[in-house]
């Protein structure tokens, strides 16, 4: 037999605190459910200086947004991508069968996704301009700049710091 709750104040305060924390951190925490980077929660920090290897977040590029949602690469409620920086301004990026960065093989380039559907591919073989980034993981199944091209540094929402990953 359940006893009636004598004092609802602690529960009310806990719920109010949770609501305040959610509102306070709104837009500052990214929850990643894709396999491009480890799944989990990431803190979005101001992108003051971006270097190769850093994790960054940006809005899904308009050119591929519909495809991302239609194919289920990310839930429709997600508006941001989380990717590592593979190349920065001054780096030479070339896709010729596979992705090369500064003349070194970096990753394979898939022509189809895991369901056999054709993937968009961004053909590039040039030196990135200052303010341009090429986002890519080391594995072929990531949806990144191999599919939508370089991105502008000023399009970033920030860099990512892992809070809890699995």
Protein backbone atom coordinates (compact mmCIF):
# COMPACT_ATOMS: atom_id res chain seq x y z
CA UNK A 1 0.00 0.00 0.00
CA UNK A 2 1.38 3.39 -1.00
CA UNK A 3 1.57 6.14 1.52
CA UNK A 4 0.41 9.56 0.41
CA UNK A 5 3.17 12.07 -0.27
CA UNK A 6 3.43 14.29 2.78
CA UNK A 7 5.57 17.07 1.40
CA UNK A 8 5.67 17.61 -2.39
CA UNK A 9 8.10 20.53 -2.03
CA UNK A 10 11.34 18.48 -2.60
CA UNK A 11 9.92 16.95 -5.79
CA UNK A 12 8.71 20.34 -7.00
CA UNK A 13 12.13 21.88 -6.32
CA UNK A 14 13.94 19.05 -8.12
CA UNK A 15 11.71 19.42 -11.19
CA UNK A 16 12.11 23.22 -11.14
CA UNK A 17 15.91 22.87 -10.87
CA UNK A 18 15.99 20.45 -13.81
CA UNK A 19 13.88 22.83 -15.90
CA UNK A 20 16.20 25.73 -15.06
CA UNK A 21 19.30 23.71 -15.97
CA UNK A 22 17.79 22.61 -19.29
CA UNK A 23 16.95 26.23 -20.13
CA UNK A 24 20.33 27.53 -18.94
CA UNK A 25 22.26 25.03 -21.09
CA UNK A 26 19.92 25.17 -24.08
CA UNK A 27 22.05 25.38 -27.19
CA UNK A 28 25.21 24.54 -25.23
CA UNK A 29 24.95 20.73 -25.16
CA UNK A 30 24.85 18.49 -28.21
CA UNK A 31 23.58 14.92 -27.99
CA UNK A 32 25.17 12.76 -30.70
CA UNK A 33 23.44 9.52 -31.73
CA UNK A 34 25.33 8.90 -34.98
CA UNK A 35 28.43 6.76 -35.40
CA UNK A 36 30.62 9.50 -36.94
CA UNK A 37 32.02 10.30 -33.50
CA UNK A 38 31.46 8.50 -30.19
CA UNK A 39 27.83 8.66 -29.11
CA UNK A 40 27.02 10.80 -26.12
CA UNK A 41 26.77 14.34 -24.79
CA UNK A 42 29.16 17.12 -25.84
CA UNK A 43 29.61 20.66 -24.57
CA UNK A 44 29.51 23.27 -27.36
CA UNK A 45 32.28 25.81 -26.78
CA UNK A 46 33.04 28.98 -28.71
CA UNK A 47 35.20 28.19 -31.75
CA UNK A 48 38.04 30.61 -31.13
CA UNK A 49 40.73 28.59 -32.86
CA UNK A 50 40.02 25.48 -34.90
CA UNK A 51 42.71 22.89 -35.60
CA UNK A 52 42.96 19.56 -37.37
CA UNK A 53 41.51 16.77 -35.25
CA UNK A 54 39.14 18.98 -33.24
CA UNK A 55 35.48 18.07 -33.08
CA UNK A 56 33.18 20.81 -34.32
CA UNK A 57 29.46 21.30 -34.81
CA UNK A 58 27.61 23.15 -37.52
CA UNK A 59 24.12 23.30 -38.98
CA UNK A 60 23.42 20.56 -41.51
CA UNK A 61 24.33 22.19 -44.86
CA UNK A 62 21.25 23.27 -46.82
CA UNK A 63 22.48 21.40 -49.91
CA UNK A 64 22.13 18.02 -48.16
CA UNK A 65 19.65 18.69 -45.36
CA UNK A 66 16.65 17.04 -47.07
CA UNK A 67 18.71 13.98 -48.00
CA UNK A 68 19.99 13.61 -44.41
CA UNK A 69 16.43 13.58 -43.05
CA UNK A 70 14.84 11.48 -45.80
CA UNK A 71 17.46 8.75 -45.49
CA UNK A 72 17.43 8.81 -41.69
CA UNK A 73 21.10 9.71 -41.30
CA UNK A 74 19.95 11.96 -38.44
CA UNK A 75 16.56 12.42 -36.77
CA UNK A 76 14.52 15.37 -38.09
CA UNK A 77 14.74 16.97 -34.66
CA UNK A 78 18.52 17.27 -35.05
CA UNK A 79 19.73 20.45 -36.69
CA UNK A 80 23.48 20.11 -36.13
CA UNK A 81 26.21 17.81 -37.40
CA UNK A 82 29.21 16.86 -35.28
CA UNK A 83 32.41 16.11 -37.20
CA UNK A 84 36.18 16.14 -36.77
CA UNK A 85 38.25 18.68 -38.71
CA UNK A 86 40.41 16.82 -41.23
CA UNK A 87 41.91 19.84 -43.05
CA UNK A 88 42.15 23.60 -42.57
CA UNK A 89 43.02 26.56 -44.77
CA UNK A 90 46.35 25.93 -46.52
CA UNK A 91 45.89 22.14 -46.60
CA UNK A 92 45.57 20.39 -49.97
CA UNK A 93 42.48 18.17 -50.24
CA UNK A 94 41.93 15.78 -53.12
CA UNK A 95 39.31 13.11 -53.77
CA UNK A 96 40.60 10.69 -56.38
CA UNK A 97 39.03 7.33 -55.58
CA UNK A 98 39.83 8.02 -51.94
CA UNK A 99 40.38 11.12 -49.82
CA UNK A 100 43.93 12.51 -49.72
CA UNK A 101 44.99 15.34 -47.43
CA UNK A 102 48.35 16.96 -48.13
CA UNK A 103 49.18 14.05 -50.42
CA UNK A 104 48.57 11.40 -47.75
CA UNK A 105 45.70 8.86 -47.94
CA UNK A 106 43.13 9.78 -45.29
CA UNK A 107 39.96 7.74 -45.87
CA UNK A 108 37.95 5.78 -48.38
CA UNK A 109 35.13 7.45 -50.28
CA UNK A 110 31.91 5.46 -50.60
CA UNK A 111 29.77 5.69 -53.71
CA UNK A 112 26.73 4.19 -51.97
CA UNK A 113 25.41 4.24 -48.42
CA UNK A 114 24.89 1.11 -46.32
CA UNK A 115 21.50 0.59 -48.00
CA UNK A 116 23.01 0.74 -51.51
CA UNK A 117 21.69 4.23 -52.34
CA UNK A 118 24.02 6.54 -54.28
CA UNK A 119 25.88 9.02 -52.10
CA UNK A 120 26.44 12.61 -53.10
CA UNK A 121 30.13 13.15 -53.67
CA UNK A 122 31.98 16.43 -53.67
CA UNK A 123 34.81 16.32 -56.20
CA UNK A 124 37.69 18.44 -55.00
CA UNK A 125 41.39 18.66 -55.64
CA UNK A 126 42.72 21.98 -54.39
CA UNK A 127 44.24 23.87 -51.52
CA UNK A 128 41.67 25.10 -49.00
CA UNK A 129 41.41 28.86 -48.59
CA UNK A 130 41.86 30.51 -45.21
CA UNK A 131 38.49 30.24 -43.41
CA UNK A 132 37.62 26.90 -45.06
CA UNK A 133 37.51 23.53 -43.28
CA UNK A 134 37.19 20.00 -44.59
CA UNK A 135 35.35 17.78 -42.11
CA UNK A 136 35.90 14.03 -42.31
CA UNK A 137 36.38 10.95 -40.18
CA UNK A 138 38.85 8.20 -40.94
CA UNK A 139 36.12 5.72 -41.83
CA UNK A 140 34.12 5.50 -45.03
CA UNK A 141 30.59 5.40 -43.55
CA UNK A 142 30.57 8.97 -42.27
CA UNK A 143 28.46 11.66 -43.97
CA UNK A 144 30.82 14.63 -44.11
CA UNK A 145 32.70 17.00 -46.43
CA UNK A 146 33.33 14.11 -48.82
CA UNK A 147 29.60 14.43 -49.49
CA UNK A 148 28.94 18.17 -49.15
CA UNK A 149 32.32 19.86 -49.61
CA UNK A 150 34.36 22.24 -47.51
CA UNK A 151 32.57 24.42 -44.97
CA UNK A 152 33.18 27.99 -43.90
CA UNK A 153 34.81 28.50 -40.53
CA UNK A 154 32.16 31.09 -39.69
CA UNK A 155 29.38 28.50 -40.22
CA UNK A 156 30.48 26.60 -37.10
CA UNK A 157 28.39 26.71 -33.94
CA UNK A 158 31.45 25.79 -31.94
CA UNK A 159 33.96 23.15 -30.96
CA UNK A 160 32.89 20.09 -28.98
CA UNK A 161 34.16 18.79 -25.66
CA UNK A 162 32.95 15.35 -24.58
CA UNK A 163 30.87 15.29 -21.40
CA UNK A 164 29.71 11.67 -21.49
CA UNK A 165 30.47 9.29 -24.35
CA UNK A 166 29.94 5.60 -24.94
